[in-house]
Amino acid sequence: MLTEGEVRALTALHGEQTVSELATNLDRSLSYTSELVERLETAGLVETRRQGKTKRIRLSDAKALELLTDLTQQYSHIDWSELLSGAALRVCYYLNTPRTATELARRADVHRSTVHRTVAPLQHRGLVYQTDDGAYALNDGFEQLNAVARELAHHVHRQTVEAQADTYTILWESLDEFLVQTPTEITDEHFIPTGPDQFQRYGLPLLARDRRYYLYSETTGDLSPEMLCCHMLVIDSGPRTQSYCLLLLSHVDINHDELRAQATKYGVDDVVDDLYTYLDTSGAQRTSRLPEWEDFQELAEEYEVTL
């Protein structure tokens, strides 16, 4: 998320400084510091202005930096640049609850050895401890590390979508992905169309509104029906949407294990379990948001879906 040099620059910036002053504070060359400032400015983490031939720098108003500044000032004896660079912030992102090294590695998309190597100095400093069952957790007083990592990721996500759309709402996000709603058509390859208008790919044409939905991901190649179902439930888990998801589950060859994995990822596992229970019992067991079985049969006939 941030290199050691970037963290060091952010923690060294107090008020407004020139590039030359920052280079002196960092004990690095002017050319290196200029490149560092350019990267941070592109990321929206610093702002610059010209005063004659001099470029002056200050921190942006990103909330992540406010949290980081509070943390570094409160614990000024700690060298945060060494602790928070590289994979450390990726790991801290998922320490909102105690997690094992295996789970952290899977979620942060790093090797278990990287997790252990990253957590070791945090543990040595008393920022992280290991629970009785071997999970890693943040110590009292350092929960803000998780907030810094999450706000930093959110800031990057906003920067990414703002390069494509003026109006948007982020509906869900993880460390490297997010689901966004916007009236703007986005053609960038990493923005994968999802939502109601994608049901037509499976012979289930739905009336799409003027809103468009995209999953931003640099690793996902295509939208699977399992992902589409979960995206729909994130977008809106009301009765109408749940009925459409029931149609999709009945009409398409769904990998149940994959759907449940995606449901856990997107935080809709309880709703997905309700949908399966409803279909397995032919509507005998249903929540208040699911239709009467006879009404769902009529909807299925309308879309030519065999139950």
Protein backbone atom coordinates (compact mmCIF):
# COMPACT_ATOMS: atom_id res chain seq x y z
CA MET A 1 0.00 0.00 0.00
CA LEU A 2 2.82 2.40 0.88
CA THR A 3 6.59 2.06 0.66
CA GLU A 4 8.83 2.81 3.63
CA GLY A 5 9.94 6.03 1.93
CA GLU A 6 6.35 7.14 1.42
CA VAL A 7 5.41 6.47 5.04
CA ARG A 8 8.57 8.26 6.19
CA ALA A 9 7.72 11.29 4.03
CA LEU A 10 4.13 11.43 5.27
CA THR A 11 5.19 11.27 8.90
CA ALA A 12 7.94 13.88 8.33
CA LEU A 13 5.61 16.45 6.77
CA HIS A 14 4.49 18.97 9.39
CA GLY A 15 2.79 22.06 8.08
CA GLU A 16 4.18 23.18 4.74
CA GLN A 17 7.69 22.39 3.54
CA THR A 18 9.71 22.80 0.39
CA VAL A 19 10.97 19.75 -1.47
CA SER A 20 14.47 20.72 -0.38
CA GLU A 21 13.45 20.92 3.30
CA LEU A 22 11.71 17.55 3.08
CA ALA A 23 14.80 16.01 1.41
CA THR A 24 16.93 17.31 4.29
CA ASN A 25 14.51 15.90 6.89
CA LEU A 26 14.52 12.53 5.14
CA ASP A 27 18.28 12.63 4.56
CA ARG A 28 17.70 11.73 0.92
CA SER A 29 18.62 13.31 -2.39
CA LEU A 30 16.55 16.05 -3.98
CA SER A 31 15.77 13.90 -7.03
CA TYR A 32 14.61 10.96 -4.89
CA THR A 33 12.41 13.24 -2.78
CA SER A 34 10.93 14.90 -5.88
CA GLU A 35 9.91 11.49 -7.26
CA LEU A 36 8.47 10.57 -3.86
CA VAL A 37 6.40 13.77 -3.76
CA GLU A 38 5.13 13.14 -7.29
CA ARG A 39 3.89 9.66 -6.33
CA LEU A 40 2.19 10.95 -3.19
CA GLU A 41 0.60 13.82 -5.10
CA THR A 42 -0.73 11.41 -7.74
CA ALA A 43 -2.22 9.33 -4.93
CA GLY A 44 -3.89 12.43 -3.49
CA LEU A 45 -1.96 12.19 -0.22
CA VAL A 46 -0.04 15.46 -0.54
CA GLU A 47 -0.81 18.79 -2.19
CA THR A 48 1.74 21.11 -3.77
CA ARG A 49 1.85 24.74 -4.81
CA ARG A 50 4.40 26.91 -6.55
CA GLN A 51 5.94 29.91 -4.82
CA GLY A 52 8.17 31.41 -7.46
CA LYS A 53 10.55 28.63 -8.47
CA THR A 54 9.97 26.74 -5.23
CA LYS A 55 7.49 23.88 -4.83
CA ARG A 56 5.88 23.72 -1.41
CA ILE A 57 4.25 20.59 -0.05
CA ARG A 58 1.68 19.79 2.61
CA LEU A 59 -0.45 16.81 3.55
CA SER A 60 -3.83 16.55 1.86
CA ASP A 61 -7.02 16.44 3.91
CA ALA A 62 -7.41 12.67 3.42
CA LYS A 63 -8.92 11.16 6.59
CA ALA A 64 -6.35 8.36 6.52
CA LEU A 65 -3.59 10.94 7.04
CA GLU A 66 -5.46 12.53 9.94
CA LEU A 67 -5.62 9.12 11.63
CA LEU A 68 -1.99 8.38 10.79
CA THR A 69 -0.85 11.76 12.17
CA ASP A 70 -2.78 11.22 15.40
CA LEU A 71 -1.20 7.79 15.79
CA THR A 72 2.39 8.89 15.07
CA GLN A 73 2.13 11.92 17.34
CA GLN A 74 0.67 9.87 20.19
CA TYR A 75 3.44 7.28 19.89
CA SER A 76 6.28 9.46 18.58
CA HIS A 77 8.92 7.09 19.99
CA ILE A 78 7.98 4.44 17.41
CA ASP A 79 9.55 4.42 13.93
CA TRP A 80 6.31 3.97 12.01
CA SER A 81 7.99 4.07 8.60
CA GLU A 82 9.68 0.74 9.29
CA LEU A 83 6.56 -0.85 10.77
CA LEU A 84 3.90 0.22 8.28
CA SER A 85 5.55 -0.13 4.89
CA GLY A 86 5.05 -2.96 2.43
CA ALA A 87 2.69 -5.74 3.52
CA ALA A 88 2.15 -4.39 7.06
CA LEU A 89 -0.79 -2.17 6.15
CA ARG A 90 -2.28 -4.97 4.05
CA VAL A 91 -2.21 -7.22 7.11
CA CYS A 92 -3.48 -4.48 9.45
CA TYR A 93 -6.44 -3.93 7.11
CA TYR A 94 -7.79 -7.33 8.17
CA LEU A 95 -7.00 -7.05 11.88
CA ASN A 96 -10.43 -5.58 12.62
CA THR A 97 -10.92 -8.93 14.34
CA PRO A 98 -8.44 -11.61 15.52
CA ARG A 99 -7.28 -13.72 12.57
CA THR A 100 -4.84 -16.59 12.10
CA ALA A 101 -1.79 -16.26 9.86
CA THR A 102 -3.47 -18.52 7.30
CA GLU A 103 -6.58 -16.36 7.18
CA LEU A 104 -4.56 -13.14 7.01
CA ALA A 105 -2.46 -14.56 4.17
CA ARG A 106 -5.58 -15.55 2.22
CA ARG A 107 -7.36 -12.25 2.72
CA ALA A 108 -4.33 -9.99 2.18
CA ASP A 109 -3.15 -12.13 -0.76
CA VAL A 110 0.34 -12.69 0.63
CA HIS A 111 2.28 -15.78 1.76
CA ARG A 112 1.99 -17.02 5.34
CA SER A 113 5.72 -16.42 5.73
CA THR A 114 5.11 -12.78 4.76
CA VAL A 115 2.43 -12.50 7.43
CA HIS A 116 4.77 -13.88 10.11
CA ARG A 117 7.63 -11.66 8.94
CA THR A 118 5.36 -8.60 8.89
CA VAL A 119 3.71 -9.24 12.23
CA ALA A 120 6.94 -10.03 14.10
CA PRO A 121 8.12 -6.38 14.53
CA LEU A 122 4.55 -5.29 15.34
CA GLN A 123 4.40 -7.99 18.00
CA HIS A 124 7.85 -7.05 19.32
CA ARG A 125 6.67 -3.44 19.73
CA GLY A 126 3.55 -4.56 21.58
CA LEU A 127 1.18 -3.43 18.85
CA VAL A 128 0.00 -6.96 18.08
CA TYR A 129 -0.42 -10.01 20.30
CA GLN A 130 -1.32 -13.65 19.73
CA THR A 131 -4.48 -15.09 21.27
CA ASP A 132 -4.61 -18.45 23.02
CA ASP A 133 -5.84 -20.10 19.81
CA GLY A 134 -2.97 -18.63 17.76
CA ALA A 135 -4.80 -15.75 16.09
CA TYR A 136 -3.20 -12.33 15.75
CA ALA A 137 -4.98 -9.27 17.20
CA LEU A 138 -4.24 -5.59 17.77
CA ASN A 139 -3.49 -4.60 21.35
CA ASP A 140 -5.63 -2.04 23.15
CA GLY A 141 -4.71 1.44 22.00
CA PHE A 142 -3.52 0.35 18.56
CA GLU A 143 -6.87 -0.44 16.96
CA GLN A 144 -6.31 2.74 14.97
CA LEU A 145 -3.84 0.84 12.82
CA ASN A 146 -6.78 -0.99 11.28
CA ALA A 147 -8.62 2.30 10.79
CA VAL A 148 -5.58 3.85 9.06
CA ALA A 149 -5.28 0.90 6.67
CA ARG A 150 -8.99 0.89 5.86
CA GLU A 151 -9.17 4.65 5.34
CA LEU A 152 -6.09 4.53 3.14
CA ALA A 153 -7.64 1.82 0.96
CA HIS A 154 -10.92 3.77 0.81
CA HIS A 155 -8.99 6.88 -0.24
CA VAL A 156 -7.29 4.96 -3.06
CA HIS A 157 -10.65 3.55 -4.19
CA ARG A 158 -12.16 7.03 -4.33
CA GLN A 159 -9.19 8.32 -6.29
CA THR A 160 -9.62 5.44 -8.74
CA VAL A 161 -13.32 5.94 -9.41
CA GLU A 162 -13.09 9.74 -9.46
CA ALA A 163 -10.79 9.41 -12.45
CA GLN A 164 -13.76 7.82 -14.26
CA ALA A 165 -16.94 9.37 -12.82
CA ASP A 166 -17.99 12.58 -11.10
CA THR A 167 -20.95 11.05 -9.26
CA TYR A 168 -20.69 7.67 -7.56
CA THR A 169 -21.40 5.64 -4.43
CA ILE A 170 -19.11 2.89 -3.18
CA LEU A 171 -21.43 0.12 -1.98
CA TRP A 172 -18.85 -2.41 -0.81
CA GLU A 173 -15.08 -2.55 -0.63
CA SER A 174 -12.23 -4.78 0.40
CA LEU A 175 -8.51 -4.07 0.30
CA ASP A 176 -8.10 -4.30 -3.48
CA GLU A 177 -11.67 -4.32 -4.85
CA PHE A 178 -14.84 -2.29 -4.60
CA LEU A 179 -18.41 -2.28 -5.89
CA VAL A 180 -19.59 1.11 -7.14
CA GLN A 181 -22.86 2.64 -8.34
CA THR A 182 -22.73 5.52 -10.83
CA PRO A 183 -24.83 7.05 -13.62
CA THR A 184 -21.67 7.16 -15.75
CA GLU A 185 -20.65 4.49 -18.24
CA ILE A 186 -17.11 3.35 -17.42
CA THR A 187 -15.07 1.55 -20.07
CA ASP A 188 -11.84 1.02 -18.14
CA GLU A 189 -10.93 -2.70 -18.26
CA HIS A 190 -10.71 -3.04 -14.48
CA PHE A 191 -14.32 -1.87 -14.00
CA ILE A 192 -16.42 -4.98 -14.62
CA PRO A 193 -20.15 -4.30 -15.32
CA THR A 194 -22.48 -6.00 -12.85
CA GLY A 195 -25.96 -5.49 -11.40
CA PRO A 196 -29.46 -5.84 -12.93
CA ASP A 197 -28.55 -5.35 -16.60
CA GLN A 198 -26.13 -8.31 -16.43
CA PHE A 199 -29.00 -10.77 -15.83
CA GLN A 200 -29.67 -10.75 -19.57
CA ARG A 201 -26.42 -12.71 -19.98
CA TYR A 202 -28.29 -15.63 -18.45
CA GLY A 203 -31.55 -15.17 -20.38
CA LEU A 204 -33.17 -13.18 -17.56
CA PRO A 205 -33.67 -9.65 -18.94
CA LEU A 206 -34.44 -7.20 -16.14
CA LEU A 207 -35.54 -3.62 -16.50
CA ALA A 208 -32.39 -1.62 -15.75
CA ARG A 209 -32.61 1.88 -14.35
CA ASP A 210 -30.33 4.78 -15.19
CA ARG A 211 -27.80 3.56 -12.61
CA ARG A 212 -24.82 1.47 -13.58
CA TYR A 213 -22.91 -0.90 -11.32
CA TYR A 214 -19.29 -1.98 -11.56
CA LEU A 215 -16.90 -4.22 -9.67
CA TYR A 216 -13.42 -2.74 -9.69
CA SER A 217 -10.84 -5.51 -9.64
CA GLU A 218 -7.39 -5.92 -11.17
CA THR A 219 -7.47 -9.71 -10.75
CA THR A 220 -11.01 -10.78 -11.66
CA GLY A 221 -11.33 -11.71 -15.32
CA ASP A 222 -15.08 -12.12 -15.75
CA LEU A 223 -18.31 -11.85 -13.81
CA SER A 224 -19.57 -15.23 -12.62
CA PRO A 225 -23.24 -15.90 -11.78
CA GLU A 226 -22.20 -16.51 -8.17
CA MET A 227 -20.63 -13.05 -8.02
CA LEU A 228 -23.61 -11.45 -9.76
CA CYS A 229 -26.02 -12.92 -7.21
CA CYS A 230 -23.97 -11.55 -4.31
CA HIS A 231 -23.55 -8.15 -5.98
CA MET A 232 -27.31 -7.88 -6.41
CA LEU A 233 -27.83 -8.60 -2.71
CA VAL A 234 -25.27 -5.93 -1.79
CA ILE A 235 -26.98 -3.44 -4.12
CA ASP A 236 -30.43 -4.17 -2.68
CA SER A 237 -31.56 -7.10 -0.54
CA GLY A 238 -35.26 -6.26 -0.82
CA PRO A 239 -38.04 -8.71 -1.86
CA ARG A 240 -37.84 -7.89 -5.58
CA THR A 241 -34.07 -8.43 -5.76
CA GLN A 242 -34.26 -11.65 -3.75
CA SER A 243 -36.88 -12.97 -6.17
CA TYR A 244 -34.57 -12.25 -9.12
CA CYS A 245 -31.71 -14.00 -7.34
CA LEU A 246 -33.98 -17.01 -6.82
CA LEU A 247 -34.58 -17.05 -10.58
CA LEU A 248 -30.84 -16.97 -11.23
CA LEU A 249 -30.15 -19.80 -8.77
CA SER A 250 -32.92 -21.89 -10.36
CA HIS A 251 -31.96 -21.17 -13.97
CA VAL A 252 -28.15 -21.32 -14.01
CA ASP A 253 -25.72 -24.07 -13.07
CA ILE A 254 -24.45 -22.60 -9.80
CA ASN A 255 -21.42 -23.87 -7.91
CA HIS A 256 -22.79 -23.95 -4.37
CA ASP A 257 -19.39 -23.89 -2.67
CA GLU A 258 -18.30 -20.94 -4.81
CA LEU A 259 -21.54 -19.08 -4.10
CA ARG A 260 -21.13 -19.53 -0.37
CA ALA A 261 -17.50 -18.39 -0.56
CA GLN A 262 -18.57 -15.28 -2.49
CA ALA A 263 -21.45 -14.70 -0.06
CA THR A 264 -19.02 -14.72 2.87
CA LYS A 265 -16.71 -12.33 1.02
CA TYR A 266 -19.53 -9.86 0.35
CA GLY A 267 -21.20 -10.29 3.75
CA VAL A 268 -24.49 -11.70 2.41
CA ASP A 269 -24.09 -15.31 3.56
CA ASP A 270 -27.20 -15.24 5.77
CA VAL A 271 -29.38 -14.08 2.87
CA VAL A 272 -27.91 -16.68 0.52
CA ASP A 273 -28.62 -19.40 3.10
CA ASP A 274 -32.23 -18.18 3.25
CA LEU A 275 -32.51 -18.41 -0.55
CA TYR A 276 -31.22 -21.98 -0.58
CA THR A 277 -33.55 -23.00 2.26
CA TYR A 278 -36.48 -21.47 0.38
CA LEU A 279 -35.69 -23.38 -2.82
CA ASP A 280 -34.92 -26.64 -1.02
CA THR A 281 -38.27 -26.55 0.83
CA SER A 282 -40.31 -25.21 -2.14
CA GLY A 283 -41.10 -22.11 -0.14
CA ALA A 284 -42.23 -23.93 3.01
CA GLN A 285 -39.49 -22.13 4.93
CA ARG A 286 -39.21 -18.51 3.92
CA THR A 287 -38.40 -15.12 5.38
CA SER A 288 -40.72 -12.12 5.13
CA ARG A 289 -38.71 -10.83 2.16
CA LEU A 290 -39.29 -13.93 0.07
CA PRO A 291 -42.46 -14.48 -2.01
CA GLU A 292 -45.16 -17.05 -1.48
CA TRP A 293 -44.23 -20.16 -3.45
CA GLU A 294 -47.22 -19.73 -5.80
CA ASP A 295 -46.14 -16.15 -6.59
CA PHE A 296 -42.59 -17.29 -7.30
CA GLN A 297 -43.89 -20.06 -9.58
CA GLU A 298 -45.77 -17.43 -11.59
CA LEU A 299 -42.63 -15.27 -11.84
CA ALA A 300 -40.60 -18.31 -12.96
CA GLU A 301 -43.17 -19.12 -15.66
CA GLU A 302 -43.03 -15.51 -16.88
CA TYR A 303 -39.25 -15.82 -17.36
CA GLU A 304 -39.51 -19.42 -18.61
CA VAL A 305 -37.50 -20.76 -15.71
CA THR A 306 -38.09 -24.38 -14.77
CA LEU A 307 -38.21 -25.00 -11.01
